[in-house]
Amino acid sequence: MDAIRMIGIVKCFGPVRANDGIDLIVGQQEIHCLLGENGTGKSTLMNILFGLYHPDAGEIFINEKKAAIANPNDAYALGIGMVHQHFMLLNSLTVAENVVLGIEPMKNGLFDFEEAVVMTQKIADKYNFALDARTRVKDLSVGQMQKVEILKALIKGARVLILDEPTAVLTPQETEELFEQLLLLREDGHAIIFISHKLEEVMRLCSRVTVLRHGYSQGTYDVKDLTEAKISR
């Protein structure tokens, strides 16, 4: 069964066709790369899947069922979460407070901070995210902030995780840690859409790649059958 099917997706901004009849099929337990240079329509396509944009044409199927995704709440209800390049965290709050924002545990009508810490630490430890749920976000590194964003999606039940150029802000060591965590998520049954323009990352991490160019899909390929030179062409 495919986790995601986007068929014939079209999105226009005025006279510009950012997505022009794009198909994207992502399997269960797959790390699938959406590859292309800046401006090829990768983020637009994923913003459609996450409900931030509405397509002008095309259909979306989640777990083989046709879906209408009007907003991010619809996406989360369907098990889709997205981590953007620009983080949306409240720096003055703790990791736990950021992670449970919108699904806050309550006790006697008040926010239950200790339960939020337990919820956050449990999922962080499960996927080897080296985070202390009590730490304030302002005291974290950029790589740790990205982990908080991923936890925000996971705790809301995301089984499909969209990562938009996730390594752009990371050090080489942080990139290695991220790759290890993504492999753990895949083993746990998650599907991951990895937006990138870095060929070496595609070759290392992903099983299949869909290449976009000028708003069009250039096809989907098994990474094992490709070289970096072939992908470039």
C-alpha atoms as a PDB file:
ATOM      1  CA  MET A   1       0.000   0.000   0.000  1.00  0.00           C
ATOM      2  CA  ASP A   2       1.211   3.498  -0.819  1.00  0.00           C
ATOM      3  CA  ALA A   3       1.229   6.050   1.976  1.00  0.00           C
ATOM      4  CA  ILE A   4       0.841   9.000  -0.390  1.00  0.00           C
ATOM      5  CA  ARG A   5      -0.392   9.397  -3.965  1.00  0.00           C
ATOM      6  CA  MET A   6      -0.468  12.858  -5.500  1.00  0.00           C
ATOM      7  CA  ILE A   7      -1.769  12.651  -9.061  1.00  0.00           C
ATOM      8  CA  GLY A   8      -1.700  15.418 -11.672  1.00  0.00           C
ATOM      9  CA  ILE A   9      -1.088  18.225  -9.194  1.00  0.00           C
ATOM     10  CA  VAL A  10      -1.261  21.721 -10.681  1.00  0.00           C
ATOM     11  CA  LYS A  11      -0.619  24.939  -8.762  1.00  0.00           C
ATOM     12  CA  CYS A  12      -0.435  28.382 -10.362  1.00  0.00           C
ATOM     13  CA  PHE A  13       0.600  31.700  -8.905  1.00  0.00           C
ATOM     14  CA  GLY A  14      -0.684  34.171 -11.457  1.00  0.00           C
ATOM     15  CA  PRO A  15       0.889  33.227 -14.806  1.00  0.00           C
ATOM     16  CA  VAL A  16       3.509  30.991 -13.134  1.00  0.00           C
ATOM     17  CA  ARG A  17       2.766  27.250 -13.006  1.00  0.00           C
ATOM     18  CA  ALA A  18       4.770  26.212  -9.935  1.00  0.00           C
ATOM     19  CA  ASN A  19       3.496  22.628 -10.232  1.00  0.00           C
ATOM     20  CA  ASP A  20       2.444  21.395 -13.666  1.00  0.00           C
ATOM     21  CA  GLY A  21       0.760  18.000 -13.576  1.00  0.00           C
ATOM     22  CA  ILE A  22       3.064  16.423 -10.983  1.00  0.00           C
ATOM     23  CA  ASP A  23       2.672  12.828  -9.784  1.00  0.00           C
ATOM     24  CA  LEU A  24       4.280  11.739  -6.503  1.00  0.00           C
ATOM     25  CA  ILE A  25       3.892   8.277  -4.997  1.00  0.00           C
ATOM     26  CA  VAL A  26       5.474   7.473  -1.628  1.00  0.00           C
ATOM     27  CA  GLY A  27       5.375   3.983  -0.149  1.00  0.00           C
ATOM     28  CA  GLN A  28       4.945   2.888   3.425  1.00  0.00           C
ATOM     29  CA  GLN A  29       8.238   2.805   5.366  1.00  0.00           C
ATOM     30  CA  GLU A  30      10.051   4.670   2.617  1.00  0.00           C
ATOM     31  CA  ILE A  31      12.445   7.607   2.675  1.00  0.00           C
ATOM     32  CA  HIS A  32      11.596   9.269  -0.621  1.00  0.00           C
ATOM     33  CA  CYS A  33      13.567  12.238  -1.894  1.00  0.00           C
ATOM     34  CA  LEU A  34      11.935  15.143  -3.690  1.00  0.00           C
ATOM     35  CA  LEU A  35      14.911  16.532  -5.594  1.00  0.00           C
ATOM     36  CA  GLY A  36      15.464  19.675  -7.592  1.00  0.00           C
ATOM     37  CA  GLU A  37      17.161  23.050  -7.651  1.00  0.00           C
ATOM     38  CA  ASN A  38      15.626  26.005  -5.837  1.00  0.00           C
ATOM     39  CA  GLY A  39      12.450  27.198  -7.530  1.00  0.00           C
ATOM     40  CA  THR A  40      11.481  23.877  -9.122  1.00  0.00           C
ATOM     41  CA  GLY A  41       8.246  23.514  -7.127  1.00  0.00           C
ATOM     42  CA  LYS A  42       9.316  21.109  -4.369  1.00  0.00           C
ATOM     43  CA  SER A  43       8.135  23.188  -1.416  1.00  0.00           C
ATOM     44  CA  THR A  44       4.955  24.196  -3.239  1.00  0.00           C
ATOM     45  CA  LEU A  45       4.037  20.544  -3.776  1.00  0.00           C
ATOM     46  CA  MET A  46       4.637  19.713  -0.121  1.00  0.00           C
ATOM     47  CA  ASN A  47       2.751  22.772   1.085  1.00  0.00           C
ATOM     48  CA  ILE A  48      -0.199  21.391  -0.874  1.00  0.00           C
ATOM     49  CA  LEU A  49       0.147  18.007   0.833  1.00  0.00           C
ATOM     50  CA  PHE A  50       0.297  19.749   4.232  1.00  0.00           C
ATOM     51  CA  GLY A  51      -2.750  21.910   3.502  1.00  0.00           C
ATOM     52  CA  LEU A  52      -1.028  25.294   3.319  1.00  0.00           C
ATOM     53  CA  TYR A  53      -1.817  25.657  -0.394  1.00  0.00           C
ATOM     54  CA  HIS A  54      -4.770  24.316  -2.340  1.00  0.00           C
ATOM     55  CA  PRO A  55      -4.111  22.706  -5.739  1.00  0.00           C
ATOM     56  CA  ASP A  56      -5.749  24.092  -8.858  1.00  0.00           C
ATOM     57  CA  ALA A  57      -6.061  20.560 -10.233  1.00  0.00           C
ATOM     58  CA  GLY A  58      -5.157  17.008  -9.277  1.00  0.00           C
ATOM     59  CA  GLU A  59      -6.025  14.459  -6.604  1.00  0.00           C
ATOM     60  CA  ILE A  60      -4.456  13.302  -3.332  1.00  0.00           C
ATOM     61  CA  PHE A  61      -4.813   9.815  -1.866  1.00  0.00           C
ATOM     62  CA  ILE A  62      -3.689   8.907   1.659  1.00  0.00           C
ATOM     63  CA  ASN A  63      -3.408   5.165   2.305  1.00  0.00           C
ATOM     64  CA  GLU A  64      -5.346   4.569  -0.950  1.00  0.00           C
ATOM     65  CA  LYS A  65      -8.270   6.805   0.118  1.00  0.00           C
ATOM     66  CA  LYS A  66      -9.010  10.090  -1.643  1.00  0.00           C
ATOM     67  CA  ALA A  67      -8.360  13.020   0.674  1.00  0.00           C
ATOM     68  CA  ALA A  68      -9.288  16.692   0.790  1.00  0.00           C
ATOM     69  CA  ILE A  69      -6.687  18.634   2.781  1.00  0.00           C
ATOM     70  CA  ALA A  70      -7.920  22.165   3.466  1.00  0.00           C
ATOM     71  CA  ASN A  71      -5.448  23.079   6.212  1.00  0.00           C
ATOM     72  CA  PRO A  72      -2.669  21.637   8.405  1.00  0.00           C
ATOM     73  CA  ASN A  73      -5.202  20.337  10.926  1.00  0.00           C
ATOM     74  CA  ASP A  74      -6.665  18.164   8.165  1.00  0.00           C
ATOM     75  CA  ALA A  75      -3.139  16.999   7.317  1.00  0.00           C
ATOM     76  CA  TYR A  76      -2.391  16.008  10.911  1.00  0.00           C
ATOM     77  CA  ALA A  77      -5.733  14.209  11.143  1.00  0.00           C
ATOM     78  CA  LEU A  78      -4.573  12.159   8.146  1.00  0.00           C
ATOM     79  CA  GLY A  79      -1.187  11.480   9.780  1.00  0.00           C
ATOM     80  CA  ILE A  80       0.878  14.020   7.827  1.00  0.00           C
ATOM     81  CA  GLY A  81       3.348  16.353   9.545  1.00  0.00           C
ATOM     82  CA  MET A  82       5.807  18.877   8.093  1.00  0.00           C
ATOM     83  CA  VAL A  83       9.026  20.445   9.352  1.00  0.00           C
ATOM     84  CA  HIS A  84       9.763  23.699   7.558  1.00  0.00           C
ATOM     85  CA  GLN A  85      13.142  25.289   6.930  1.00  0.00           C
ATOM     86  CA  HIS A  86      12.215  28.144   9.258  1.00  0.00           C
ATOM     87  CA  PHE A  87      11.339  26.843  12.697  1.00  0.00           C
ATOM     88  CA  MET A  88       8.122  27.888  14.419  1.00  0.00           C
ATOM     89  CA  LEU A  89       9.123  27.610  18.067  1.00  0.00           C
ATOM     90  CA  LEU A  90       8.508  29.811  21.106  1.00  0.00           C
ATOM     91  CA  ASN A  91      12.009  30.458  22.423  1.00  0.00           C
ATOM     92  CA  SER A  92      10.932  31.444  25.926  1.00  0.00           C
ATOM     93  CA  LEU A  93       9.134  28.134  26.500  1.00  0.00           C
ATOM     94  CA  THR A  94      10.607  24.717  27.280  1.00  0.00           C
ATOM     95  CA  VAL A  95      10.969  21.850  24.843  1.00  0.00           C
ATOM     96  CA  ALA A  96       7.969  20.135  26.430  1.00  0.00           C
ATOM     97  CA  GLU A  97       5.764  23.230  26.249  1.00  0.00           C
ATOM     98  CA  ASN A  98       6.567  23.653  22.554  1.00  0.00           C
ATOM     99  CA  VAL A  99       6.019  19.998  21.719  1.00  0.00           C
ATOM    100  CA  VAL A 100       2.556  19.722  23.325  1.00  0.00           C
ATOM    101  CA  LEU A 101       1.332  23.113  22.081  1.00  0.00           C
ATOM    102  CA  GLY A 102      -2.210  22.564  20.850  1.00  0.00           C
ATOM    103  CA  ILE A 103      -2.599  19.207  22.629  1.00  0.00           C
ATOM    104  CA  GLU A 104      -1.744  20.379  26.155  1.00  0.00           C
ATOM    105  CA  PRO A 105      -2.400  17.872  28.973  1.00  0.00           C
ATOM    106  CA  MET A 106      -4.624  19.344  31.680  1.00  0.00           C
ATOM    107  CA  LYS A 107      -5.083  18.610  35.386  1.00  0.00           C
ATOM    108  CA  ASN A 108      -7.804  20.242  37.479  1.00  0.00           C
ATOM    109  CA  GLY A 109      -8.386  22.707  34.665  1.00  0.00           C
ATOM    110  CA  LEU A 110      -4.732  23.802  34.509  1.00  0.00           C
ATOM    111  CA  PHE A 111      -1.834  22.967  32.200  1.00  0.00           C
ATOM    112  CA  ASP A 112      -0.047  19.881  33.544  1.00  0.00           C
ATOM    113  CA  PHE A 113       3.612  20.688  32.934  1.00  0.00           C
ATOM    114  CA  GLU A 114       4.933  17.482  34.491  1.00  0.00           C
ATOM    115  CA  GLU A 115       2.744  15.345  32.250  1.00  0.00           C
ATOM    116  CA  ALA A 116       3.932  17.378  29.247  1.00  0.00           C
ATOM    117  CA  VAL A 117       7.518  16.586  30.236  1.00  0.00           C
ATOM    118  CA  VAL A 118       6.714  12.862  30.512  1.00  0.00           C
ATOM    119  CA  MET A 119       4.949  12.828  27.114  1.00  0.00           C
ATOM    120  CA  THR A 120       7.787  14.679  25.401  1.00  0.00           C
ATOM    121  CA  GLN A 121      10.645  12.770  27.003  1.00  0.00           C
ATOM    122  CA  LYS A 122       9.037   9.431  26.175  1.00  0.00           C
ATOM    123  CA  ILE A 123       8.887  10.108  22.438  1.00  0.00           C
ATOM    124  CA  ALA A 124      12.296  11.839  22.407  1.00  0.00           C
ATOM    125  CA  ASP A 125      13.937   8.825  24.027  1.00  0.00           C
ATOM    126  CA  LYS A 126      12.134   6.377  21.719  1.00  0.00           C
ATOM    127  CA  TYR A 127      13.848   7.860  18.657  1.00  0.00           C
ATOM    128  CA  ASN A 128      17.179   8.722  20.316  1.00  0.00           C
ATOM    129  CA  PHE A 129      16.591  12.472  20.235  1.00  0.00           C
ATOM    130  CA  ALA A 130      19.090  13.719  22.793  1.00  0.00           C
ATOM    131  CA  LEU A 131      16.837  16.361  24.325  1.00  0.00           C
ATOM    132  CA  ASP A 132      15.898  17.370  27.858  1.00  0.00           C
ATOM    133  CA  ALA A 133      12.197  18.201  27.823  1.00  0.00           C
ATOM    134  CA  ARG A 134      12.687  20.814  30.563  1.00  0.00           C
ATOM    135  CA  THR A 135      15.257  22.879  28.613  1.00  0.00           C
ATOM    136  CA  ARG A 136      14.160  26.246  27.242  1.00  0.00           C
ATOM    137  CA  VAL A 137      14.278  26.441  23.459  1.00  0.00           C
ATOM    138  CA  LYS A 138      16.423  29.598  23.566  1.00  0.00           C
ATOM    139  CA  ASP A 139      19.214  27.478  25.082  1.00  0.00           C
ATOM    140  CA  LEU A 140      19.222  24.870  22.290  1.00  0.00           C
ATOM    141  CA  SER A 141      21.449  24.549  19.244  1.00  0.00           C
ATOM    142  CA  VAL A 142      19.911  24.844  15.780  1.00  0.00           C
ATOM    143  CA  GLY A 143      20.109  21.072  15.361  1.00  0.00           C
ATOM    144  CA  GLN A 144      18.291  20.526  18.642  1.00  0.00           C
ATOM    145  CA  MET A 145      15.599  23.016  17.621  1.00  0.00           C
ATOM    146  CA  GLN A 146      14.998  20.974  14.494  1.00  0.00           C
ATOM    147  CA  LYS A 147      14.536  17.875  16.653  1.00  0.00           C
ATOM    148  CA  VAL A 148      11.885  19.735  18.643  1.00  0.00           C
ATOM    149  CA  GLU A 149      10.041  20.500  15.410  1.00  0.00           C
ATOM    150  CA  ILE A 150      10.150  16.828  14.444  1.00  0.00           C
ATOM    151  CA  LEU A 151       8.847  15.840  17.885  1.00  0.00           C
ATOM    152  CA  LYS A 152       5.970  18.307  17.479  1.00  0.00           C
ATOM    153  CA  ALA A 153       4.876  16.399  14.387  1.00  0.00           C
ATOM    154  CA  LEU A 154       5.400  12.947  15.869  1.00  0.00           C
ATOM    155  CA  ILE A 155       3.486  13.603  19.083  1.00  0.00           C
ATOM    156  CA  LYS A 156       0.471  14.637  16.991  1.00  0.00           C
ATOM    157  CA  GLY A 157       0.509  11.239  15.341  1.00  0.00           C
ATOM    158  CA  ALA A 158       2.286  11.994  12.071  1.00  0.00           C
ATOM    159  CA  ARG A 159       3.091   8.792  10.173  1.00  0.00           C
ATOM    160  CA  VAL A 160       4.204  10.688   7.070  1.00  0.00           C
ATOM    161  CA  LEU A 161       6.892  13.249   7.823  1.00  0.00           C
ATOM    162  CA  ILE A 162       7.834  15.989   5.337  1.00  0.00           C
ATOM    163  CA  LEU A 163      11.268  17.538   5.862  1.00  0.00           C
ATOM    164  CA  ASP A 164      11.991  20.661   3.804  1.00  0.00           C
ATOM    165  CA  GLU A 165      15.758  20.985   3.163  1.00  0.00           C
ATOM    166  CA  PRO A 166      16.450  19.725   6.700  1.00  0.00           C
ATOM    167  CA  THR A 167      20.248  19.648   6.454  1.00  0.00           C
ATOM    168  CA  ALA A 168      20.603  23.234   5.222  1.00  0.00           C
ATOM    169  CA  VAL A 169      21.063  24.533   8.784  1.00  0.00           C
ATOM    170  CA  LEU A 170      22.934  21.558  10.263  1.00  0.00           C
ATOM    171  CA  THR A 171      26.581  20.836  10.958  1.00  0.00           C
ATOM    172  CA  PRO A 172      27.999  17.585   9.492  1.00  0.00           C
ATOM    173  CA  GLN A 173      27.671  15.885  12.899  1.00  0.00           C
ATOM    174  CA  GLU A 174      24.073  17.045  13.282  1.00  0.00           C
ATOM    175  CA  THR A 175      23.332  15.775   9.775  1.00  0.00           C
ATOM    176  CA  GLU A 176      24.656  12.329  10.725  1.00  0.00           C
ATOM    177  CA  GLU A 177      22.450  12.304  13.829  1.00  0.00           C
ATOM    178  CA  LEU A 178      19.422  13.304  11.770  1.00  0.00           C
ATOM    179  CA  PHE A 179      20.031  10.501   9.272  1.00  0.00           C
ATOM    180  CA  GLU A 180      20.239   7.946  12.083  1.00  0.00           C
ATOM    181  CA  GLN A 181      16.969   9.202  13.541  1.00  0.00           C
ATOM    182  CA  LEU A 182      15.210   9.132  10.165  1.00  0.00           C
ATOM    183  CA  LEU A 183      16.270   5.516   9.667  1.00  0.00           C
ATOM    184  CA  LEU A 184      14.812   4.678  13.096  1.00  0.00           C
ATOM    185  CA  LEU A 185      11.559   6.366  12.124  1.00  0.00           C
ATOM    186  CA  ARG A 186      11.436   4.382   8.887  1.00  0.00           C
ATOM    187  CA  GLU A 187      11.988   1.143  10.801  1.00  0.00           C
ATOM    188  CA  ASP A 188       9.102   2.130  13.076  1.00  0.00           C
ATOM    189  CA  GLY A 189       6.776   2.358  10.070  1.00  0.00           C
ATOM    190  CA  HIS A 190       6.977   6.018   9.111  1.00  0.00           C
ATOM    191  CA  ALA A 191       7.193   7.322   5.557  1.00  0.00           C
ATOM    192  CA  ILE A 192       9.493  10.300   5.068  1.00  0.00           C
ATOM    193  CA  ILE A 193       9.551  12.815   2.225  1.00  0.00           C
ATOM    194  CA  PHE A 194      12.986  14.384   2.178  1.00  0.00           C
ATOM    195  CA  ILE A 195      13.203  17.612   0.162  1.00  0.00           C
ATOM    196  CA  SER A 196      16.758  18.280  -0.990  1.00  0.00           C
ATOM    197  CA  HIS A 197      19.030  19.451  -3.772  1.00  0.00           C
ATOM    198  CA  LYS A 198      22.122  17.661  -2.388  1.00  0.00           C
ATOM    199  CA  LEU A 199      22.875  14.595  -4.476  1.00  0.00           C
ATOM    200  CA  GLU A 200      25.167  12.907  -1.960  1.00  0.00           C
ATOM    201  CA  GLU A 201      22.366  12.950   0.645  1.00  0.00           C
ATOM    202  CA  VAL A 202      19.956  11.342  -1.793  1.00  0.00           C
ATOM    203  CA  MET A 203      22.394   8.546  -2.566  1.00  0.00           C
ATOM    204  CA  ARG A 204      23.021   7.825   1.126  1.00  0.00           C
ATOM    205  CA  LEU A 205      19.592   8.056   2.660  1.00  0.00           C
ATOM    206  CA  CYS A 206      16.781   7.541   0.169  1.00  0.00           C
ATOM    207  CA  SER A 207      15.406   4.488  -1.618  1.00  0.00           C
ATOM    208  CA  ARG A 208      13.647   6.410  -4.398  1.00  0.00           C
ATOM    209  CA  VAL A 209      13.849   9.911  -5.812  1.00  0.00           C
ATOM    210  CA  THR A 210      11.372  12.063  -7.724  1.00  0.00           C
ATOM    211  CA  VAL A 211      13.120  14.792  -9.709  1.00  0.00           C
ATOM    212  CA  LEU A 212      11.447  18.140 -10.374  1.00  0.00           C
ATOM    213  CA  ARG A 213      12.569  20.684 -12.947  1.00  0.00           C
ATOM    214  CA  HIS A 214      10.790  23.933 -13.855  1.00  0.00           C
ATOM    215  CA  GLY A 215       7.603  22.742 -12.155  1.00  0.00           C
ATOM    216  CA  TYR A 216       7.500  19.415 -14.000  1.00  0.00           C
ATOM    217  CA  SER A 217       8.321  15.932 -12.779  1.00  0.00           C
ATOM    218  CA  GLN A 218      11.257  14.333 -14.575  1.00  0.00           C
ATOM    219  CA  GLY A 219      10.231  10.931 -13.217  1.00  0.00           C
ATOM    220  CA  THR A 220      10.726   8.713 -10.171  1.00  0.00           C
ATOM    221  CA  TYR A 221      13.750   6.416  -9.935  1.00  0.00           C
ATOM    222  CA  ASP A 222      15.235   3.766  -7.653  1.00  0.00           C
ATOM    223  CA  VAL A 223      18.333   5.299  -6.125  1.00  0.00           C
ATOM    224  CA  LYS A 224      20.208   1.981  -6.357  1.00  0.00           C
ATOM    225  CA  ASP A 225      19.990   2.239 -10.157  1.00  0.00           C
ATOM    226  CA  LEU A 226      21.413   5.764 -10.308  1.00  0.00           C
ATOM    227  CA  THR A 227      24.680   7.638 -10.048  1.00  0.00           C
ATOM    228  CA  GLU A 228      25.048  11.293  -9.133  1.00  0.00           C
ATOM    229  CA  ALA A 229      25.855  12.021 -12.776  1.00  0.00           C
ATOM    230  CA  LYS A 230      22.618  10.366 -13.956  1.00  0.00           C
ATOM    231  CA  ILE A 231      20.565  12.316 -11.438  1.00  0.00           C
ATOM    232  CA  SER A 232      22.200  15.570 -12.572  1.00  0.00           C
ATOM    233  CA  ARG A 233      21.259  14.852 -16.177  1.00  0.00           C
END
